[in-house]
Amino acid sequence: GACPVNDHDILGSAAVRTSGRNRWGPSAMRESFQRWFFPEQMRFLPGARALSIALRTLHLVAFGGLLGGHTFAVDPEKLLLSLYLTILSGLGLIALEIYAVGLYWLVLGKGIMVLLKLALLLLIPFFWEARVPLLLLVVGIAERHRIQPVAQRVRVHDPRVPQQWTREVRRRPDGPA
């Protein structure tokens, strides 16, 4: 039988209308997944710019504390709050980006740079003695990326991604920077 479905569900409805009825199944879930993670148009979240600025500020302050603490040999246990705040604020920034453009973000220049920085950060537990140079390398990559022209930061590195994304990401009025 038909089940009532809220078509404005945040993850999209897993139901597909067929002859006035809702149909649940793998194809409906796949369509919902595609609609959410590979949207046809950018999504704009009211207040995303302010939230992005707040998260980025927190991220920079927390990362600065982490880098300074490791540079001056502060007891690693005292740096846990900075570590957790850096991780949480970074995840928040990534979530804002993925909300706006879906998983296409992973193949935009800025998404690739974030993945590169994460890869370097994941090396730290295995190369503990090299943590300060690795953290400094992450800062260098972030700064190099920050001063790139917008066209490079949002350049699409996958031919399967609609080219409109490059133009739309450059123009978005109220999204993450």
N, C-alpha and C. Protein backbone atom coordinates (compact mmCIF):
# COMPACT_ATOMS: atom_id res chain seq x y z
N GLY A 1 0.82 -1.18 0.00
CA GLY A 1 0.00 0.00 0.00
C GLY A 1 0.86 1.24 0.00
N ALA A 2 0.20 2.32 -0.27
CA ALA A 2 0.89 3.61 -0.32
C ALA A 2 1.13 4.13 1.08
N CYS A 3 2.29 4.71 1.29
CA CYS A 3 2.64 5.32 2.58
C CYS A 3 2.75 6.82 2.37
N PRO A 4 2.22 7.62 3.29
CA PRO A 4 2.40 9.06 3.14
C PRO A 4 3.87 9.41 3.30
N VAL A 5 4.34 10.31 2.47
CA VAL A 5 5.75 10.70 2.49
C VAL A 5 5.84 12.21 2.53
N ASN A 6 6.71 12.72 3.38
CA ASN A 6 6.99 14.15 3.41
C ASN A 6 8.01 14.44 2.32
N ASP A 7 7.59 15.11 1.25
CA ASP A 7 8.49 15.37 0.13
C ASP A 7 9.59 16.36 0.46
N HIS A 8 9.54 16.98 1.62
CA HIS A 8 10.56 17.95 2.00
C HIS A 8 11.51 17.40 3.03
N ASP A 9 11.59 16.10 3.12
CA ASP A 9 12.50 15.42 4.04
C ASP A 9 13.92 15.90 3.73
N ILE A 10 14.73 16.14 4.75
CA ILE A 10 16.07 16.72 4.54
C ILE A 10 16.95 15.86 3.65
N LEU A 11 16.79 14.56 3.69
CA LEU A 11 17.60 13.70 2.84
C LEU A 11 16.88 13.35 1.54
N GLY A 12 15.76 13.96 1.30
CA GLY A 12 15.01 13.64 0.09
C GLY A 12 14.18 12.40 0.35
N SER A 13 13.13 12.29 -0.37
CA SER A 13 12.24 11.16 -0.17
C SER A 13 12.80 9.94 -0.87
N ALA A 14 12.69 8.79 -0.25
CA ALA A 14 13.09 7.54 -0.88
C ALA A 14 11.91 6.97 -1.65
N ALA A 15 10.86 7.71 -1.74
CA ALA A 15 9.69 7.25 -2.48
C ALA A 15 9.63 7.95 -3.82
N VAL A 16 9.12 7.26 -4.81
CA VAL A 16 8.95 7.80 -6.14
C VAL A 16 7.47 7.70 -6.48
N ARG A 17 6.92 8.79 -6.98
CA ARG A 17 5.50 8.77 -7.33
C ARG A 17 5.32 8.01 -8.64
N THR A 18 4.45 7.02 -8.62
CA THR A 18 4.09 6.26 -9.80
C THR A 18 2.58 6.10 -9.79
N SER A 19 1.92 6.67 -10.75
CA SER A 19 0.46 6.58 -10.85
C SER A 19 -0.22 6.99 -9.56
N GLY A 20 0.24 8.07 -8.95
CA GLY A 20 -0.41 8.55 -7.74
C GLY A 20 -0.06 7.79 -6.48
N ARG A 21 0.82 6.80 -6.58
CA ARG A 21 1.21 6.01 -5.41
C ARG A 21 2.69 6.20 -5.15
N ASN A 22 3.08 5.96 -3.92
CA ASN A 22 4.51 6.01 -3.58
C ASN A 22 5.07 4.61 -3.71
N ARG A 23 6.23 4.50 -4.30
CA ARG A 23 6.89 3.21 -4.43
C ARG A 23 8.23 3.29 -3.71
N TRP A 24 8.48 2.38 -2.81
CA TRP A 24 9.73 2.31 -2.08
C TRP A 24 10.56 1.21 -2.69
N GLY A 25 11.84 1.43 -2.80
CA GLY A 25 12.69 0.37 -3.32
C GLY A 25 14.08 0.89 -3.63
N PRO A 26 14.93 -0.01 -4.14
CA PRO A 26 16.32 0.37 -4.43
C PRO A 26 16.44 1.51 -5.42
N SER A 27 15.62 1.52 -6.47
CA SER A 27 15.75 2.61 -7.45
C SER A 27 15.33 3.94 -6.85
N ALA A 28 14.31 3.92 -6.00
CA ALA A 28 13.89 5.16 -5.33
C ALA A 28 14.98 5.65 -4.38
N MET A 29 15.61 4.73 -3.68
CA MET A 29 16.69 5.12 -2.76
C MET A 29 17.89 5.65 -3.54
N ARG A 30 18.18 5.03 -4.69
CA ARG A 30 19.29 5.49 -5.52
C ARG A 30 19.02 6.91 -6.03
N GLU A 31 17.78 7.15 -6.46
CA GLU A 31 17.42 8.50 -6.92
C GLU A 31 17.53 9.51 -5.80
N SER A 32 17.11 9.13 -4.60
CA SER A 32 17.22 10.02 -3.45
C SER A 32 18.68 10.31 -3.14
N PHE A 33 19.51 9.27 -3.17
CA PHE A 33 20.95 9.42 -2.92
C PHE A 33 21.56 10.36 -3.96
N GLN A 34 21.22 10.14 -5.23
CA GLN A 34 21.77 10.99 -6.29
C GLN A 34 21.32 12.43 -6.14
N ARG A 35 20.05 12.62 -5.79
CA ARG A 35 19.52 13.97 -5.64
C ARG A 35 20.23 14.70 -4.49
N TRP A 36 20.52 13.98 -3.43
CA TRP A 36 21.14 14.61 -2.26
C TRP A 36 22.64 14.84 -2.46
N PHE A 37 23.35 13.81 -2.94
CA PHE A 37 24.81 13.89 -3.02
C PHE A 37 25.33 14.39 -4.36
N PHE A 38 24.51 14.37 -5.40
CA PHE A 38 24.91 14.86 -6.71
C PHE A 38 23.78 15.75 -7.26
N PRO A 39 23.53 16.88 -6.60
CA PRO A 39 22.41 17.74 -6.99
C PRO A 39 22.63 18.36 -8.37
N GLU A 40 21.52 18.64 -9.04
CA GLU A 40 21.60 19.27 -10.36
C GLU A 40 21.93 20.75 -10.25
N GLN A 41 21.58 21.36 -9.12
CA GLN A 41 21.88 22.77 -8.88
C GLN A 41 22.48 22.93 -7.49
N MET A 42 23.22 24.02 -7.32
CA MET A 42 23.77 24.30 -5.99
C MET A 42 22.65 24.58 -5.01
N ARG A 43 22.89 24.23 -3.76
CA ARG A 43 21.92 24.52 -2.70
C ARG A 43 22.51 25.63 -1.84
N PHE A 44 21.64 26.53 -1.43
CA PHE A 44 22.08 27.65 -0.60
C PHE A 44 21.42 27.55 0.76
N LEU A 45 22.21 27.53 1.79
CA LEU A 45 21.73 27.46 3.16
C LEU A 45 21.73 28.87 3.74
N PRO A 46 20.59 29.35 4.18
CA PRO A 46 20.57 30.70 4.77
C PRO A 46 21.56 30.79 5.94
N GLY A 47 22.36 31.83 5.94
CA GLY A 47 23.33 32.02 7.01
C GLY A 47 24.60 31.20 6.87
N ALA A 48 24.76 30.52 5.74
CA ALA A 48 25.94 29.66 5.57
C ALA A 48 27.23 30.47 5.61
N ARG A 49 27.20 31.67 5.08
CA ARG A 49 28.42 32.50 5.05
C ARG A 49 28.87 32.82 6.48
N ALA A 50 27.94 33.25 7.31
CA ALA A 50 28.28 33.57 8.71
C ALA A 50 28.76 32.32 9.44
N LEU A 51 28.08 31.21 9.22
CA LEU A 51 28.49 29.96 9.87
C LEU A 51 29.87 29.54 9.39
N SER A 52 30.12 29.70 8.10
CA SER A 52 31.42 29.36 7.54
C SER A 52 32.53 30.21 8.16
N ILE A 53 32.27 31.50 8.30
CA ILE A 53 33.27 32.40 8.90
C ILE A 53 33.54 32.01 10.35
N ALA A 54 32.48 31.70 11.09
CA ALA A 54 32.64 31.30 12.50
C ALA A 54 33.43 29.99 12.60
N LEU A 55 33.07 29.02 11.77
CA LEU A 55 33.79 27.73 11.80
C LEU A 55 35.24 27.89 11.37
N ARG A 56 35.47 28.69 10.33
CA ARG A 56 36.84 28.88 9.85
C ARG A 56 37.69 29.57 10.91
N THR A 57 37.11 30.56 11.60
CA THR A 57 37.84 31.25 12.67
C THR A 57 38.20 30.27 13.78
N LEU A 58 37.22 29.48 14.21
CA LEU A 58 37.48 28.47 15.24
C LEU A 58 38.54 27.49 14.77
N HIS A 59 38.44 27.08 13.50
CA HIS A 59 39.39 26.12 12.94
C HIS A 59 40.82 26.68 12.97
N LEU A 60 40.97 27.92 12.55
CA LEU A 60 42.30 28.53 12.52
C LEU A 60 42.89 28.72 13.92
N VAL A 61 42.05 29.15 14.86
CA VAL A 61 42.52 29.34 16.23
C VAL A 61 42.93 28.00 16.85
N ALA A 62 42.07 26.99 16.67
CA ALA A 62 42.36 25.67 17.25
C ALA A 62 43.61 25.06 16.62
N PHE A 63 43.71 25.16 15.29
CA PHE A 63 44.88 24.61 14.61
C PHE A 63 46.14 25.37 15.02
N GLY A 64 46.01 26.68 15.18
CA GLY A 64 47.16 27.47 15.65
C GLY A 64 47.63 27.01 17.02
N GLY A 65 46.68 26.74 17.91
CA GLY A 65 47.04 26.23 19.23
C GLY A 65 47.74 24.88 19.14
N LEU A 66 47.24 24.05 18.25
CA LEU A 66 47.82 22.72 18.05
C LEU A 66 49.25 22.84 17.50
N LEU A 67 49.43 23.65 16.49
CA LEU A 67 50.75 23.83 15.90
C LEU A 67 51.72 24.45 16.91
N GLY A 68 51.28 25.49 17.61
CA GLY A 68 52.14 26.12 18.62
C GLY A 68 52.49 25.16 19.74
N GLY A 69 51.52 24.39 20.16
CA GLY A 69 51.77 23.42 21.23
C GLY A 69 52.80 22.38 20.84
N HIS A 70 52.69 21.88 19.62
CA HIS A 70 53.68 20.88 19.17
C HIS A 70 55.03 21.53 18.91
N THR A 71 55.03 22.75 18.41
CA THR A 71 56.29 23.44 18.15
C THR A 71 57.07 23.66 19.44
N PHE A 72 56.36 24.00 20.52
CA PHE A 72 57.02 24.29 21.80
C PHE A 72 56.94 23.14 22.79
N ALA A 73 56.72 21.93 22.27
CA ALA A 73 56.77 20.68 23.05
C ALA A 73 55.85 20.69 24.27
N VAL A 74 54.63 21.20 24.09
CA VAL A 74 53.62 21.14 25.15
C VAL A 74 53.17 19.69 25.27
N ASP A 75 52.86 19.27 26.48
CA ASP A 75 52.38 17.91 26.71
C ASP A 75 51.20 17.63 25.78
N PRO A 76 51.28 16.58 24.97
CA PRO A 76 50.20 16.29 24.01
C PRO A 76 48.81 16.19 24.63
N GLU A 77 48.71 15.76 25.88
CA GLU A 77 47.39 15.68 26.51
C GLU A 77 46.76 17.06 26.67
N LYS A 78 47.59 18.08 26.84
CA LYS A 78 47.08 19.45 26.97
C LYS A 78 46.60 20.01 25.63
N LEU A 79 46.91 19.32 24.54
CA LEU A 79 46.54 19.80 23.21
C LEU A 79 45.28 19.11 22.69
N LEU A 80 44.71 18.21 23.48
CA LEU A 80 43.55 17.45 23.00
C LEU A 80 42.36 18.35 22.67
N LEU A 81 42.09 19.37 23.47
CA LEU A 81 40.97 20.26 23.17
C LEU A 81 41.18 20.94 21.82
N SER A 82 42.39 21.41 21.57
CA SER A 82 42.69 22.03 20.27
C SER A 82 42.51 21.03 19.13
N LEU A 83 42.95 19.80 19.37
CA LEU A 83 42.80 18.76 18.35
C LEU A 83 41.33 18.52 18.04
N TYR A 84 40.52 18.34 19.09
CA TYR A 84 39.10 18.06 18.89
C TYR A 84 38.38 19.23 18.24
N LEU A 85 38.70 20.45 18.64
CA LEU A 85 38.07 21.62 18.03
C LEU A 85 38.48 21.77 16.56
N THR A 86 39.73 21.44 16.26
CA THR A 86 40.19 21.49 14.86
C THR A 86 39.43 20.48 14.02
N ILE A 87 39.29 19.27 14.54
CA ILE A 87 38.58 18.22 13.81
C ILE A 87 37.11 18.59 13.62
N LEU A 88 36.44 18.99 14.69
CA LEU A 88 35.01 19.30 14.60
C LEU A 88 34.73 20.50 13.69
N SER A 89 35.53 21.55 13.81
CA SER A 89 35.31 22.71 12.95
C SER A 89 35.62 22.37 11.49
N GLY A 90 36.63 21.54 11.27
CA GLY A 90 36.94 21.10 9.90
C GLY A 90 35.81 20.28 9.30
N LEU A 91 35.25 19.38 10.11
CA LEU A 91 34.11 18.60 9.63
C LEU A 91 32.91 19.50 9.32
N GLY A 92 32.71 20.53 10.14
CA GLY A 92 31.63 21.48 9.88
C GLY A 92 31.83 22.22 8.57
N LEU A 93 33.06 22.63 8.30
CA LEU A 93 33.36 23.32 7.04
C LEU A 93 33.13 22.40 5.84
N ILE A 94 33.56 21.15 5.98
CA ILE A 94 33.35 20.18 4.90
C ILE A 94 31.86 19.95 4.68
N ALA A 95 31.11 19.83 5.76
CA ALA A 95 29.66 19.60 5.65
C ALA A 95 28.98 20.75 4.93
N LEU A 96 29.38 21.99 5.22
CA LEU A 96 28.80 23.15 4.52
C LEU A 96 29.08 23.08 3.02
N GLU A 97 30.29 22.72 2.68
CA GLU A 97 30.65 22.63 1.26
C GLU A 97 29.87 21.52 0.57
N ILE A 98 29.80 20.36 1.21
CA ILE A 98 29.09 19.23 0.60
C ILE A 98 27.60 19.52 0.52
N TYR A 99 27.05 20.23 1.50
CA TYR A 99 25.64 20.60 1.40
C TYR A 99 25.42 21.46 0.16
N ALA A 100 26.31 22.40 -0.09
CA ALA A 100 26.15 23.34 -1.20
C ALA A 100 26.28 22.67 -2.55
N VAL A 101 27.29 21.84 -2.74
CA VAL A 101 27.56 21.28 -4.07
C VAL A 101 27.55 19.76 -4.13
N GLY A 102 27.25 19.11 -3.04
CA GLY A 102 27.24 17.65 -3.03
C GLY A 102 28.66 17.11 -3.05
N LEU A 103 28.75 15.85 -3.41
CA LEU A 103 30.07 15.20 -3.43
C LEU A 103 30.94 15.67 -4.59
N TYR A 104 30.37 16.51 -5.46
CA TYR A 104 31.20 17.13 -6.51
C TYR A 104 32.35 17.89 -5.86
N TRP A 105 32.15 18.36 -4.64
CA TRP A 105 33.18 19.12 -3.93
C TRP A 105 34.50 18.36 -3.88
N LEU A 106 34.43 17.03 -3.81
CA LEU A 106 35.64 16.22 -3.70
C LEU A 106 36.54 16.33 -4.93
N VAL A 107 35.97 16.72 -6.07
CA VAL A 107 36.79 16.84 -7.28
C VAL A 107 36.98 18.29 -7.70
N LEU A 108 36.56 19.21 -6.86
CA LEU A 108 36.89 20.62 -7.09
C LEU A 108 38.29 20.84 -6.51
N GLY A 109 38.98 21.85 -7.00
CA GLY A 109 40.33 22.12 -6.50
C GLY A 109 40.39 22.22 -5.00
N LYS A 110 39.44 22.93 -4.39
CA LYS A 110 39.48 23.09 -2.94
C LYS A 110 39.22 21.80 -2.20
N GLY A 111 38.38 20.94 -2.73
CA GLY A 111 38.15 19.64 -2.10
C GLY A 111 39.39 18.77 -2.14
N ILE A 112 40.06 18.81 -3.28
CA ILE A 112 41.29 18.02 -3.44
C ILE A 112 42.36 18.51 -2.46
N MET A 113 42.45 19.83 -2.28
CA MET A 113 43.44 20.38 -1.34
C MET A 113 43.13 19.93 0.09
N VAL A 114 41.87 19.93 0.47
CA VAL A 114 41.49 19.48 1.82
C VAL A 114 41.85 18.00 1.98
N LEU A 115 41.59 17.19 0.97
CA LEU A 115 41.94 15.76 1.05
C LEU A 115 43.45 15.57 1.17
N LEU A 116 44.21 16.38 0.46
CA LEU A 116 45.67 16.32 0.57
C LEU A 116 46.13 16.68 1.98
N LYS A 117 45.55 17.75 2.55
CA LYS A 117 45.92 18.14 3.91
C LYS A 117 45.54 17.05 4.92
N LEU A 118 44.36 16.46 4.72
CA LEU A 118 43.95 15.37 5.63
C LEU A 118 44.90 14.19 5.53
N ALA A 119 45.34 13.86 4.32
CA ALA A 119 46.29 12.76 4.14
C ALA A 119 47.58 13.04 4.90
N LEU A 120 48.07 14.27 4.82
CA LEU A 120 49.29 14.62 5.56
C LEU A 120 49.07 14.55 7.07
N LEU A 121 47.93 15.02 7.52
CA LEU A 121 47.64 14.97 8.96
C LEU A 121 47.52 13.53 9.46
N LEU A 122 47.02 12.65 8.62
CA LEU A 122 46.89 11.25 9.02
C LEU A 122 48.25 10.54 9.11
N LEU A 123 49.28 11.15 8.56
CA LEU A 123 50.64 10.60 8.68
C LEU A 123 51.25 10.86 10.06
N ILE A 124 50.75 11.86 10.76
CA ILE A 124 51.36 12.28 12.02
C ILE A 124 51.47 11.16 13.05
N PRO A 125 50.43 10.36 13.29
CA PRO A 125 50.60 9.29 14.29
C PRO A 125 51.71 8.29 13.94
N PHE A 126 51.98 8.14 12.63
CA PHE A 126 52.99 7.18 12.19
C PHE A 126 54.39 7.80 12.13
N PHE A 127 54.44 9.11 12.00
CA PHE A 127 55.71 9.83 11.94
C PHE A 127 55.70 10.95 12.98
N TRP A 128 55.52 10.55 14.22
CA TRP A 128 55.34 11.49 15.32
C TRP A 128 56.47 12.51 15.41
N GLU A 129 57.69 12.09 15.22
CA GLU A 129 58.83 13.01 15.33
C GLU A 129 58.82 14.07 14.23
N ALA A 130 58.11 13.81 13.15
CA ALA A 130 58.05 14.76 12.04
C ALA A 130 56.74 15.57 12.08
N ARG A 131 56.05 15.57 13.22
CA ARG A 131 54.73 16.22 13.29
C ARG A 131 54.79 17.73 13.02
N VAL A 132 55.80 18.42 13.54
CA VAL A 132 55.87 19.87 13.32
C VAL A 132 56.10 20.18 11.84
N PRO A 133 57.05 19.55 11.16
CA PRO A 133 57.18 19.82 9.72
C PRO A 133 55.91 19.46 8.93
N LEU A 134 55.25 18.37 9.32
CA LEU A 134 54.01 18.00 8.63
C LEU A 134 52.92 19.05 8.86
N LEU A 135 52.79 19.53 10.09
CA LEU A 135 51.81 20.58 10.37
C LEU A 135 52.14 21.86 9.61
N LEU A 136 53.42 22.20 9.53
CA LEU A 136 53.82 23.39 8.77
C LEU A 136 53.56 23.21 7.27
N LEU A 137 53.74 22.00 6.77
CA LEU A 137 53.43 21.71 5.37
C LEU A 137 51.93 21.90 5.11
N VAL A 138 51.10 21.48 6.04
CA VAL A 138 49.65 21.67 5.92
C VAL A 138 49.33 23.16 5.86
N VAL A 139 49.98 23.96 6.71
CA VAL A 139 49.76 25.41 6.69
C VAL A 139 50.20 25.99 5.35
N GLY A 140 51.34 25.54 4.84
CA GLY A 140 51.83 26.02 3.55
C GLY A 140 50.87 25.70 2.41
N ILE A 141 50.34 24.49 2.41
CA ILE A 141 49.37 24.10 1.38
C ILE A 141 48.11 24.95 1.50
N ALA A 142 47.65 25.15 2.72
CA ALA A 142 46.44 25.96 2.94
C ALA A 142 46.66 27.38 2.44
N GLU A 143 47.81 27.95 2.73
CA GLU A 143 48.08 29.32 2.30
C GLU A 143 48.23 29.40 0.79
N ARG A 144 48.93 28.46 0.22
CA ARG A 144 49.08 28.42 -1.26
C ARG A 144 47.71 28.32 -1.92
N HIS A 145 46.88 27.49 -1.38
CA HIS A 145 45.53 27.32 -1.93
C HIS A 145 44.70 28.59 -1.74
N ARG A 146 44.84 29.23 -0.59
CA ARG A 146 44.06 30.43 -0.29
C ARG A 146 44.35 31.56 -1.26
N ILE A 147 45.60 31.69 -1.71
CA ILE A 147 45.94 32.81 -2.59
C ILE A 147 45.73 32.50 -4.06
N GLN A 148 45.32 31.27 -4.37
CA GLN A 148 45.03 30.94 -5.76
C GLN A 148 43.80 31.71 -6.24
N PRO A 149 43.73 32.00 -7.52
CA PRO A 149 42.51 32.61 -8.06
C PRO A 149 41.32 31.67 -7.86
N VAL A 150 40.13 32.24 -7.72
CA VAL A 150 38.93 31.44 -7.51
C VAL A 150 38.78 30.39 -8.60
N ALA A 151 39.13 30.74 -9.82
CA ALA A 151 38.99 29.79 -10.94
C ALA A 151 39.78 28.50 -10.68
N GLN A 152 40.93 28.61 -10.02
CA GLN A 152 41.71 27.43 -9.70
C GLN A 152 41.15 26.67 -8.51
N ARG A 153 40.65 27.40 -7.51
CA ARG A 153 40.11 26.74 -6.32
C ARG A 153 38.87 25.92 -6.63
N VAL A 154 38.09 26.37 -7.60
CA VAL A 154 36.85 25.66 -7.92
C VAL A 154 36.94 24.90 -9.23
N ARG A 155 38.12 24.81 -9.79
CA ARG A 155 38.29 24.07 -11.04
C ARG A 155 37.85 22.63 -10.85
N VAL A 156 37.11 22.14 -11.81
CA VAL A 156 36.61 20.77 -11.76
C VAL A 156 37.68 19.84 -12.31
N HIS A 157 38.03 18.81 -11.53
CA HIS A 157 39.07 17.88 -11.93
C HIS A 157 38.49 16.52 -12.31
N ASP A 158 37.29 16.52 -12.81
CA ASP A 158 36.65 15.27 -13.22
C ASP A 158 35.70 15.61 -14.36
N PRO A 159 35.92 15.02 -15.54
CA PRO A 159 35.09 15.37 -16.70
C PRO A 159 33.62 14.99 -16.53
N ARG A 160 33.30 14.14 -15.57
CA ARG A 160 31.90 13.73 -15.37
C ARG A 160 31.09 14.79 -14.62
N VAL A 161 31.77 15.75 -14.01
CA VAL A 161 31.08 16.79 -13.23
C VAL A 161 30.56 17.85 -14.19
N PRO A 162 29.29 18.25 -14.04
CA PRO A 162 28.75 19.29 -14.93
C PRO A 162 29.60 20.57 -14.85
N GLN A 163 29.95 21.11 -16.01
CA GLN A 163 30.81 22.30 -16.05
C GLN A 163 30.14 23.51 -15.43
N GLN A 164 28.80 23.50 -15.32
CA GLN A 164 28.10 24.62 -14.69
C GLN A 164 28.56 24.80 -13.25
N TRP A 165 29.06 23.74 -12.60
CA TRP A 165 29.48 23.86 -11.20
C TRP A 165 30.57 24.89 -11.04
N THR A 166 31.52 24.92 -11.97
CA THR A 166 32.61 25.87 -11.86
C THR A 166 32.06 27.29 -11.86
N ARG A 167 31.14 27.59 -12.77
CA ARG A 167 30.57 28.93 -12.82
C ARG A 167 29.73 29.23 -11.59
N GLU A 168 28.90 28.27 -11.17
CA GLU A 168 28.01 28.50 -10.03
C GLU A 168 28.78 28.66 -8.72
N VAL A 169 29.82 27.87 -8.51
CA VAL A 169 30.58 27.95 -7.27
C VAL A 169 31.27 29.31 -7.18
N ARG A 170 31.72 29.84 -8.30
CA ARG A 170 32.36 31.15 -8.28
C ARG A 170 31.39 32.25 -7.90
N ARG A 171 30.11 32.09 -8.27
CA ARG A 171 29.14 33.15 -8.08
C ARG A 171 28.31 33.04 -6.84
N ARG A 172 28.40 31.97 -6.09
CA ARG A 172 27.42 31.76 -5.03
C ARG A 172 27.42 32.90 -4.01
N PRO A 173 26.23 33.43 -3.74
CA PRO A 173 26.12 34.62 -2.91
C PRO A 173 26.25 34.37 -1.40
N ASP A 174 25.82 33.23 -0.94
CA ASP A 174 25.79 33.03 0.52
C ASP A 174 26.22 31.62 0.87
N GLY A 175 27.41 31.26 0.44
CA GLY A 175 27.88 29.92 0.74
C GLY A 175 29.25 29.99 1.33
N PRO A 176 29.82 28.84 1.67
CA PRO A 176 31.17 28.81 2.22
C PRO A 176 32.16 29.41 1.25
N ALA A 177 33.18 30.02 1.78
CA ALA A 177 34.19 30.67 0.93
C ALA A 177 35.19 29.65 0.43
